[in-house]
PDB file of N, CA and C in Angstrom:
ATOM      1  N   MET A   1     114.859 111.254 133.626  1.00  0.00           N
ATOM      2  CA  MET A   1     113.420 111.377 133.799  1.00  0.00           C
ATOM      3  C   MET A   1     113.020 110.582 135.026  1.00  0.00           C
ATOM      4  N   SER A   2     112.123 111.130 135.791  1.00  0.00           N
ATOM      5  CA  SER A   2     111.598 110.462 136.975  1.00  0.00           C
ATOM      6  C   SER A   2     110.870 109.191 136.565  1.00  0.00           C
ATOM      7  N   LYS A   3     110.983 108.158 137.384  1.00  0.00           N
ATOM      8  CA  LYS A   3     110.301 106.903 137.042  1.00  0.00           C
ATOM      9  C   LYS A   3     108.785 107.019 137.184  1.00  0.00           C
ATOM     10  N   ASN A   4     108.292 108.117 137.768  1.00  0.00           N
ATOM     11  CA  ASN A   4     106.852 108.339 137.905  1.00  0.00           C
ATOM     12  C   ASN A   4     106.239 108.987 136.672  1.00  0.00           C
ATOM     13  N   LYS A   5     107.078 109.454 135.746  1.00  0.00           N
ATOM     14  CA  LYS A   5     106.555 110.130 134.554  1.00  0.00           C
ATOM     15  C   LYS A   5     106.563 109.173 133.375  1.00  0.00           C
ATOM     16  N   ILE A   6     105.510 109.211 132.607  1.00  0.00           N
ATOM     17  CA  ILE A   6     105.409 108.409 131.401  1.00  0.00           C
ATOM     18  C   ILE A   6     105.615 109.336 130.216  1.00  0.00           C
ATOM     19  N   PRO A   7     106.520 108.980 129.286  1.00  0.00           N
ATOM     20  CA  PRO A   7     106.726 109.851 128.120  1.00  0.00           C
ATOM     21  C   PRO A   7     105.442 109.985 127.308  1.00  0.00           C
ATOM     22  N   PHE A   8     105.225 111.164 126.789  1.00  0.00           N
ATOM     23  CA  PHE A   8     104.050 111.444 125.970  1.00  0.00           C
ATOM     24  C   PHE A   8     104.284 110.937 124.567  1.00  0.00           C
ATOM     25  N   GLY A   9     103.349 110.217 124.034  1.00  0.00           N
ATOM     26  CA  GLY A   9     103.441 109.768 122.650  1.00  0.00           C
ATOM     27  C   GLY A   9     102.705 108.466 122.443  1.00  0.00           C
ATOM     28  N   PRO A  10     102.586 108.064 121.184  1.00  0.00           N
ATOM     29  CA  PRO A  10     101.833 106.856 120.863  1.00  0.00           C
ATOM     30  C   PRO A  10     102.617 105.593 121.200  1.00  0.00           C
ATOM     31  N   THR A  11     101.895 104.522 121.402  1.00  0.00           N
ATOM     32  CA  THR A  11     102.526 103.216 121.560  1.00  0.00           C
ATOM     33  C   THR A  11     102.860 102.690 120.162  1.00  0.00           C
ATOM     34  N   TYR A  12     103.650 101.637 120.087  1.00  0.00           N
ATOM     35  CA  TYR A  12     103.932 101.031 118.784  1.00  0.00           C
ATOM     36  C   TYR A  12     102.639 100.551 118.136  1.00  0.00           C
ATOM     37  N   GLU A  13     101.747 100.016 118.934  1.00  0.00           N
ATOM     38  CA  GLU A  13     100.468  99.531 118.412  1.00  0.00           C
ATOM     39  C   GLU A  13      99.666 100.685 117.800  1.00  0.00           C
ATOM     40  N   GLU A  14      99.691 101.856 118.456  1.00  0.00           N
ATOM     41  CA  GLU A  14      98.959 103.019 117.931  1.00  0.00           C
ATOM     42  C   GLU A  14      99.600 103.562 116.654  1.00  0.00           C
ATOM     43  N   MET A  15     100.936 103.461 116.541  1.00  0.00           N
ATOM     44  CA  MET A  15     101.578 103.889 115.296  1.00  0.00           C
ATOM     45  C   MET A  15     101.223 102.943 114.158  1.00  0.00           C
ATOM     46  N   LEU A  16     101.124 101.656 114.468  1.00  0.00           N
ATOM     47  CA  LEU A  16     100.759 100.666 113.459  1.00  0.00           C
ATOM     48  C   LEU A  16      99.285 100.767 113.089  1.00  0.00           C
ATOM     49  N   HIS A  17      98.446 101.032 114.079  1.00  0.00           N
ATOM     50  CA  HIS A  17      96.995 101.122 113.891  1.00  0.00           C
ATOM     51  C   HIS A  17      96.483 102.436 114.473  1.00  0.00           C
ATOM     52  N   PRO A  18      96.677 103.555 113.759  1.00  0.00           N
ATOM     53  CA  PRO A  18      96.285 104.852 114.312  1.00  0.00           C
ATOM     54  C   PRO A  18      94.795 104.957 114.624  1.00  0.00           C
ATOM     55  N   GLU A  19      93.980 104.072 114.048  1.00  0.00           N
ATOM     56  CA  GLU A  19      92.550 104.092 114.358  1.00  0.00           C
ATOM     57  C   GLU A  19      92.282 103.676 115.805  1.00  0.00           C
ATOM     58  N   THR A  20      93.300 103.132 116.497  1.00  0.00           N
ATOM     59  CA  THR A  20      93.129 102.750 117.908  1.00  0.00           C
ATOM     60  C   THR A  20      93.443 103.891 118.868  1.00  0.00           C
ATOM     61  N   ILE A  21      93.970 104.988 118.345  1.00  0.00           N
ATOM     62  CA  ILE A  21      94.245 106.167 119.181  1.00  0.00           C
ATOM     63  C   ILE A  21      92.910 106.758 119.608  1.00  0.00           C
ATOM     64  N   ALA A  22      92.841 107.227 120.834  1.00  0.00           N
ATOM     65  CA  ALA A  22      91.612 107.850 121.326  1.00  0.00           C
ATOM     66  C   ALA A  22      91.175 108.931 120.343  1.00  0.00           C
ATOM     67  N   PRO A  23      89.903 108.930 119.953  1.00  0.00           N
ATOM     68  CA  PRO A  23      89.422 109.861 118.919  1.00  0.00           C
ATOM     69  C   PRO A  23      89.744 111.330 119.201  1.00  0.00           C
ATOM     70  N   GLU A  24      89.671 111.748 120.460  1.00  0.00           N
ATOM     71  CA  GLU A  24      89.957 113.160 120.757  1.00  0.00           C
ATOM     72  C   GLU A  24      91.433 113.492 120.554  1.00  0.00           C
ATOM     73  N   ILE A  25      92.319 112.542 120.842  1.00  0.00           N
ATOM     74  CA  ILE A  25      93.753 112.765 120.622  1.00  0.00           C
ATOM     75  C   ILE A  25      94.058 112.732 119.123  1.00  0.00           C
ATOM     76  N   ARG A  26      93.451 111.784 118.403  1.00  0.00           N
ATOM     77  CA  ARG A  26      93.678 111.695 116.953  1.00  0.00           C
ATOM     78  C   ARG A  26      93.214 112.974 116.253  1.00  0.00           C
ATOM     79  N   ALA A  27      92.063 113.487 116.644  1.00  0.00           N
ATOM     80  CA  ALA A  27      91.551 114.727 116.051  1.00  0.00           C
ATOM     81  C   ALA A  27      92.490 115.899 116.344  1.00  0.00           C
ATOM     82  N   LYS A  28      92.979 115.967 117.577  1.00  0.00           N
ATOM     83  CA  LYS A  28      93.908 117.030 117.976  1.00  0.00           C
ATOM     84  C   LYS A  28      95.210 116.925 117.172  1.00  0.00           C
ATOM     85  N   ALA A  29      95.689 115.698 116.999  1.00  0.00           N
ATOM     86  CA  ALA A  29      96.936 115.477 116.260  1.00  0.00           C
ATOM     87  C   ALA A  29      96.778 115.868 114.792  1.00  0.00           C
ATOM     88  N   LEU A  30      95.672 115.469 114.186  1.00  0.00           N
ATOM     89  CA  LEU A  30      95.453 115.810 112.773  1.00  0.00           C
ATOM     90  C   LEU A  30      95.345 117.316 112.582  1.00  0.00           C
ATOM     91  N   LYS A  31      94.741 118.012 113.533  1.00  0.00           N
ATOM     92  CA  LYS A  31      94.644 119.471 113.453  1.00  0.00           C
ATOM     93  C   LYS A  31      96.032 120.107 113.615  1.00  0.00           C
ATOM     94  N   ALA A  32      96.827 119.585 114.559  1.00  0.00           N
ATOM     95  CA  ALA A  32      98.158 120.136 114.815  1.00  0.00           C
ATOM     96  C   ALA A  32      99.104 119.902 113.643  1.00  0.00           C
ATOM     97  N   LYS A  33      98.854 118.842 112.867  1.00  0.00           N
ATOM     98  CA  LYS A  33      99.712 118.545 111.718  1.00  0.00           C
ATOM     99  C   LYS A  33      99.775 119.729 110.766  1.00  0.00           C
ATOM    100  N   GLU A  34      98.666 120.407 110.604  1.00  0.00           N
ATOM    101  CA  GLU A  34      98.606 121.575 109.717  1.00  0.00           C
ATOM    102  C   GLU A  34      98.924 122.875 110.452  1.00  0.00           C
ATOM    103  N   ALA A  35      98.492 122.977 111.707  1.00  0.00           N
ATOM    104  CA  ALA A  35      98.585 124.241 112.430  1.00  0.00           C
ATOM    105  C   ALA A  35      99.938 124.477 113.110  1.00  0.00           C
ATOM    106  N   ASP A  36     100.524 123.421 113.707  1.00  0.00           N
ATOM    107  CA  ASP A  36     101.743 123.609 114.489  1.00  0.00           C
ATOM    108  C   ASP A  36     102.530 122.311 114.533  1.00  0.00           C
ATOM    109  N   GLU A  37     103.450 122.143 113.589  1.00  0.00           N
ATOM    110  CA  GLU A  37     104.173 120.874 113.520  1.00  0.00           C
ATOM    111  C   GLU A  37     105.091 120.622 114.713  1.00  0.00           C
ATOM    112  N   LEU A  38     105.360 121.642 115.527  1.00  0.00           N
ATOM    113  CA  LEU A  38     106.192 121.450 116.719  1.00  0.00           C
ATOM    114  C   LEU A  38     105.384 121.067 117.952  1.00  0.00           C
ATOM    115  N   ASP A  39     104.077 121.014 117.827  1.00  0.00           N
ATOM    116  CA  ASP A  39     103.225 120.598 118.940  1.00  0.00           C
ATOM    117  C   ASP A  39     103.505 119.123 119.238  1.00  0.00           C
ATOM    118  N   PRO A  40     103.787 118.767 120.498  1.00  0.00           N
ATOM    119  CA  PRO A  40     104.088 117.372 120.840  1.00  0.00           C
ATOM    120  C   PRO A  40     102.996 116.379 120.448  1.00  0.00           C
ATOM    121  N   VAL A  41     101.758 116.827 120.312  1.00  0.00           N
ATOM    122  CA  VAL A  41     100.687 115.911 119.924  1.00  0.00           C
ATOM    123  C   VAL A  41     100.926 115.361 118.512  1.00  0.00           C
ATOM    124  N   ASN A  42     101.818 116.003 117.748  1.00  0.00           N
ATOM    125  CA  ASN A  42     102.167 115.512 116.408  1.00  0.00           C
ATOM    126  C   ASN A  42     102.851 114.150 116.449  1.00  0.00           C
ATOM    127  N   LEU A  43     103.342 113.759 117.598  1.00  0.00           N
ATOM    128  CA  LEU A  43     103.910 112.412 117.707  1.00  0.00           C
ATOM    129  C   LEU A  43     102.873 111.362 117.313  1.00  0.00           C
ATOM    130  N   PHE A  44     101.603 111.674 117.513  1.00  0.00           N
ATOM    131  CA  PHE A  44     100.538 110.744 117.157  1.00  0.00           C
ATOM    132  C   PHE A  44     100.280 110.704 115.646  1.00  0.00           C
ATOM    133  N   ASN A  45     101.013 111.523 114.889  1.00  0.00           N
ATOM    134  CA  ASN A  45     100.922 111.478 113.427  1.00  0.00           C
ATOM    135  C   ASN A  45     102.054 110.668 112.811  1.00  0.00           C
ATOM    136  N   ILE A  46     102.911 110.069 113.630  1.00  0.00           N
ATOM    137  CA  ILE A  46     103.993 109.243 113.105  1.00  0.00           C
ATOM    138  C   ILE A  46     103.424 107.870 112.799  1.00  0.00           C
ATOM    139  N   THR A  47     102.998 107.721 111.578  1.00  0.00           N
ATOM    140  CA  THR A  47     102.414 106.484 111.080  1.00  0.00           C
ATOM    141  C   THR A  47     102.507 106.487 109.568  1.00  0.00           C
ATOM    142  N   TRP A  48     102.453 105.317 108.959  1.00  0.00           N
ATOM    143  CA  TRP A  48     102.472 105.227 107.510  1.00  0.00           C
ATOM    144  C   TRP A  48     101.088 105.447 106.933  1.00  0.00           C
ATOM    145  N   LYS A  49     100.085 105.616 107.802  1.00  0.00           N
ATOM    146  CA  LYS A  49      98.707 105.721 107.319  1.00  0.00           C
ATOM    147  C   LYS A  49      98.228 107.167 107.322  1.00  0.00           C
ATOM    148  N   ASP A  50      97.321 107.470 106.391  1.00  0.00           N
ATOM    149  CA  ASP A  50      96.756 108.812 106.304  1.00  0.00           C
ATOM    150  C   ASP A  50      95.521 108.935 107.193  1.00  0.00           C
ATOM    151  N   GLU A  51      94.809 110.029 107.054  1.00  0.00           N
ATOM    152  CA  GLU A  51      93.635 110.303 107.880  1.00  0.00           C
ATOM    153  C   GLU A  51      92.534 109.264 107.697  1.00  0.00           C
ATOM    154  N   ASP A  52      92.531 108.585 106.536  1.00  0.00           N
ATOM    155  CA  ASP A  52      91.532 107.550 106.250  1.00  0.00           C
ATOM    156  C   ASP A  52      92.068 106.147 106.547  1.00  0.00           C
ATOM    157  N   ASN A  53      93.200 106.079 107.256  1.00  0.00           N
ATOM    158  CA  ASN A  53      93.864 104.823 107.624  1.00  0.00           C
ATOM    159  C   ASN A  53      94.302 103.996 106.422  1.00  0.00           C
ATOM    160  N   GLN A  54      94.634 104.686 105.317  1.00  0.00           N
ATOM    161  CA  GLN A  54      95.194 104.038 104.138  1.00  0.00           C
ATOM    162  C   GLN A  54      96.712 104.247 104.149  1.00  0.00           C
ATOM    163  N   VAL A  55      97.466 103.226 103.785  1.00  0.00           N
ATOM    164  CA  VAL A  55      98.924 103.340 103.766  1.00  0.00           C
ATOM    165  C   VAL A  55      99.341 104.331 102.692  1.00  0.00           C
ATOM    166  N   ARG A  56     100.232 105.253 103.078  1.00  0.00           N
ATOM    167  CA  ARG A  56     100.743 106.247 102.131  1.00  0.00           C
ATOM    168  C   ARG A  56     101.819 105.575 101.286  1.00  0.00           C
ATOM    169  N   LYS A  57     101.510 105.336 100.022  1.00  0.00           N
ATOM    170  CA  LYS A  57     102.449 104.629  99.161  1.00  0.00           C
ATOM    171  C   LYS A  57     102.185 104.972  97.700  1.00  0.00           C
ATOM    172  N   ILE A  58     103.175 104.659  96.887  1.00  0.00           N
ATOM    173  CA  ILE A  58     103.043 104.736  95.438  1.00  0.00           C
ATOM    174  C   ILE A  58     103.550 103.403  94.895  1.00  0.00           C
ATOM    175  N   VAL A  59     102.781 102.770  94.041  1.00  0.00           N
ATOM    176  CA  VAL A  59     103.228 101.557  93.350  1.00  0.00           C
ATOM    177  C   VAL A  59     103.735 101.998  91.986  1.00  0.00           C
ATOM    178  N   LEU A  60     105.020 101.781  91.756  1.00  0.00           N
ATOM    179  CA  LEU A  60     105.610 102.216  90.495  1.00  0.00           C
ATOM    180  C   LEU A  60     105.151 101.307  89.356  1.00  0.00           C
ATOM    181  N   PRO A  61     104.737 101.879  88.240  1.00  0.00           N
ATOM    182  CA  PRO A  61     104.276 101.078  87.110  1.00  0.00           C
ATOM    183  C   PRO A  61     105.403 100.210  86.527  1.00  0.00           C
ATOM    184  N   LYS A  62     105.066  98.989  86.177  1.00  0.00           N
ATOM    185  CA  LYS A  62     106.051  98.059  85.602  1.00  0.00           C
ATOM    186  C   LYS A  62     106.623  98.609  84.301  1.00  0.00           C
ATOM    187  N   GLU A  63     105.833  99.424  83.604  1.00  0.00           N
ATOM    188  CA  GLU A  63     106.303 100.017  82.349  1.00  0.00           C
ATOM    189  C   GLU A  63     107.470 100.984  82.588  1.00  0.00           C
ATOM    190  N   ILE A  64     107.518 101.555  83.775  1.00  0.00           N
ATOM    191  CA  ILE A  64     108.608 102.486  84.105  1.00  0.00           C
ATOM    192  C   ILE A  64     109.806 101.740  84.684  1.00  0.00           C
ATOM    193  N   THR A  65     109.538 100.755  85.568  1.00  0.00           N
ATOM    194  CA  THR A  65     110.634 100.073  86.256  1.00  0.00           C
ATOM    195  C   THR A  65     111.310  99.013  85.393  1.00  0.00           C
ATOM    196  N   GLY A  66     110.552  98.420  84.481  1.00  0.00           N
ATOM    197  CA  GLY A  66     111.122  97.382  83.640  1.00  0.00           C
ATOM    198  C   GLY A  66     111.234  96.025  84.322  1.00  0.00           C
ATOM    199  N   VAL A  67     110.634  95.878  85.508  1.00  0.00           N
ATOM    200  CA  VAL A  67     110.662  94.588  86.201  1.00  0.00           C
ATOM    201  C   VAL A  67     109.232  94.113  86.432  1.00  0.00           C
ATOM    202  N   ASP A  68     109.064  92.791  86.550  1.00  0.00           N
ATOM    203  CA  ASP A  68     107.728  92.231  86.738  1.00  0.00           C
ATOM    204  C   ASP A  68     107.206  92.391  88.164  1.00  0.00           C
ATOM    205  N   ALA A  69     108.110  92.533  89.122  1.00  0.00           N
ATOM    206  CA  ALA A  69     107.697  92.660  90.528  1.00  0.00           C
ATOM    207  C   ALA A  69     107.164  94.067  90.801  1.00  0.00           C
ATOM    208  N   ASN A  70     106.201  94.141  91.715  1.00  0.00           N
ATOM    209  CA  ASN A  70     105.727  95.460  92.145  1.00  0.00           C
ATOM    210  C   ASN A  70     106.801  96.133  92.983  1.00  0.00           C
ATOM    211  N   ILE A  71     107.055  97.391  92.700  1.00  0.00           N
ATOM    212  CA  ILE A  71     107.956  98.189  93.528  1.00  0.00           C
ATOM    213  C   ILE A  71     107.087  99.235  94.204  1.00  0.00           C
ATOM    214  N   VAL A  72     107.070  99.158  95.532  1.00  0.00           N
ATOM    215  CA  VAL A  72     106.223 100.036  96.325  1.00  0.00           C
ATOM    216  C   VAL A  72     107.112 101.043  97.046  1.00  0.00           C
ATOM    217  N   VAL A  73     106.804 102.304  96.893  1.00  0.00           N
ATOM    218  CA  VAL A  73     107.544 103.374  97.560  1.00  0.00           C
ATOM    219  C   VAL A  73     106.679 103.890  98.702  1.00  0.00           C
ATOM    220  N   MET A  74     107.193 103.770  99.923  1.00  0.00           N
ATOM    221  CA  MET A  74     106.484 104.278 101.094  1.00  0.00           C
ATOM    222  C   MET A  74     106.799 105.771 101.221  1.00  0.00           C
ATOM    223  N   LEU A  75     105.798 106.566 101.564  1.00  0.00           N
ATOM    224  CA  LEU A  75     105.963 108.019 101.640  1.00  0.00           C
ATOM    225  C   LEU A  75     106.037 108.480 103.090  1.00  0.00           C
ATOM    226  N   GLY A  76     107.208 108.936 103.496  1.00  0.00           N
ATOM    227  CA  GLY A  76     107.395 109.457 104.843  1.00  0.00           C
ATOM    228  C   GLY A  76     107.330 110.970 104.883  1.00  0.00           C
ATOM    229  N   THR A  77     107.095 111.574 103.744  1.00  0.00           N
ATOM    230  CA  THR A  77     107.084 113.033 103.661  1.00  0.00           C
ATOM    231  C   THR A  77     105.972 113.666 104.490  1.00  0.00           C
ATOM    232  N   TYR A  78     104.948 112.884 104.826  1.00  0.00           N
ATOM    233  CA  TYR A  78     103.830 113.434 105.595  1.00  0.00           C
ATOM    234  C   TYR A  78     104.005 113.274 107.102  1.00  0.00           C
ATOM    235  N   PHE A  79     105.140 112.715 107.533  1.00  0.00           N
ATOM    236  CA  PHE A  79     105.403 112.641 108.965  1.00  0.00           C
ATOM    237  C   PHE A  79     105.620 114.060 109.490  1.00  0.00           C
ATOM    238  N   PRO A  80     105.401 114.283 110.788  1.00  0.00           N
ATOM    239  CA  PRO A  80     105.696 115.610 111.346  1.00  0.00           C
ATOM    240  C   PRO A  80     107.146 115.991 111.036  1.00  0.00           C
ATOM    241  N   SER A  81     107.366 117.182 110.646  1.00  0.00           N
ATOM    242  CA  SER A  81     108.642 117.779 110.248  1.00  0.00           C
ATOM    243  C   SER A  81     109.178 117.207 108.943  1.00  0.00           C
ATOM    244  N   GLY A  82     108.389 116.413 108.230  1.00  0.00           N
ATOM    245  CA  GLY A  82     108.728 116.036 106.867  1.00  0.00           C
ATOM    246  C   GLY A  82     109.427 114.714 106.645  1.00  0.00           C
ATOM    247  N   SER A  83     110.049 114.136 107.640  1.00  0.00           N
ATOM    248  CA  SER A  83     110.700 112.848 107.401  1.00  0.00           C
ATOM    249  C   SER A  83     110.858 112.095 108.707  1.00  0.00           C
ATOM    250  N   HIS A  84     111.140 110.824 108.557  1.00  0.00           N
ATOM    251  CA  HIS A  84     111.306 109.971 109.724  1.00  0.00           C
ATOM    252  C   HIS A  84     112.106 108.773 109.286  1.00  0.00           C
ATOM    253  N   LYS A  85     113.176 108.478 109.977  1.00  0.00           N
ATOM    254  CA  LYS A  85     113.976 107.305 109.625  1.00  0.00           C
ATOM    255  C   LYS A  85     113.368 106.097 110.316  1.00  0.00           C
ATOM    256  N   VAL A  86     113.065 105.092 109.542  1.00  0.00           N
ATOM    257  CA  VAL A  86     112.479 103.870 110.087  1.00  0.00           C
ATOM    258  C   VAL A  86     113.548 102.800 110.121  1.00  0.00           C
ATOM    259  N   VAL A  87     113.788 102.260 111.294  1.00  0.00           N
ATOM    260  CA  VAL A  87     114.789 101.232 111.463  1.00  0.00           C
ATOM    261  C   VAL A  87     114.125 100.041 112.147  1.00  0.00           C
ATOM    262  N   PRO A  88     114.348  98.833 111.640  1.00  0.00           N
ATOM    263  CA  PRO A  88     113.742  97.688 112.308  1.00  0.00           C
ATOM    264  C   PRO A  88     114.325  97.513 113.708  1.00  0.00           C
ATOM    265  N   PRO A  89     113.518  97.011 114.636  1.00  0.00           N
ATOM    266  CA  PRO A  89     114.035  96.812 115.995  1.00  0.00           C
ATOM    267  C   PRO A  89     115.131  95.753 115.999  1.00  0.00           C
ATOM    268  N   ILE A  90     116.091  95.943 116.847  1.00  0.00           N
ATOM    269  CA  ILE A  90     117.191  94.977 116.971  1.00  0.00           C
ATOM    270  C   ILE A  90     116.751  93.879 117.931  1.00  0.00           C
ATOM    271  N   GLN A  91     116.871  92.646 117.465  1.00  0.00           N
ATOM    272  CA  GLN A  91     116.486  91.507 118.294  1.00  0.00           C
ATOM    273  C   GLN A  91     117.700  91.059 119.096  1.00  0.00           C
ATOM    274  N   PRO A  92     117.503  90.788 120.395  1.00  0.00           N
ATOM    275  CA  PRO A  92     118.648  90.333 121.221  1.00  0.00           C
ATOM    276  C   PRO A  92     119.096  88.942 120.838  1.00  0.00           C
TER     277      PRO A  92
END
């Protein structure tokens, strides 16, 4: 890639806080999520948060798990194309 071109997509900050994405891009991305999952603007939908900026999760009931600690399941099924592998960054 030419050093003059910037890759299209959200910053890490925008993935963490999708409410910081420019409103016109966020609206376009949310529309593309349903209309065309191969549209590159869907990169702006790679976040753990939904359209209302709430984290997509399920807290499993203690009655089912049998443990006192909360077990939280993060839902990646709503990412573009259905899944996304999340790996922590490697520190040098």
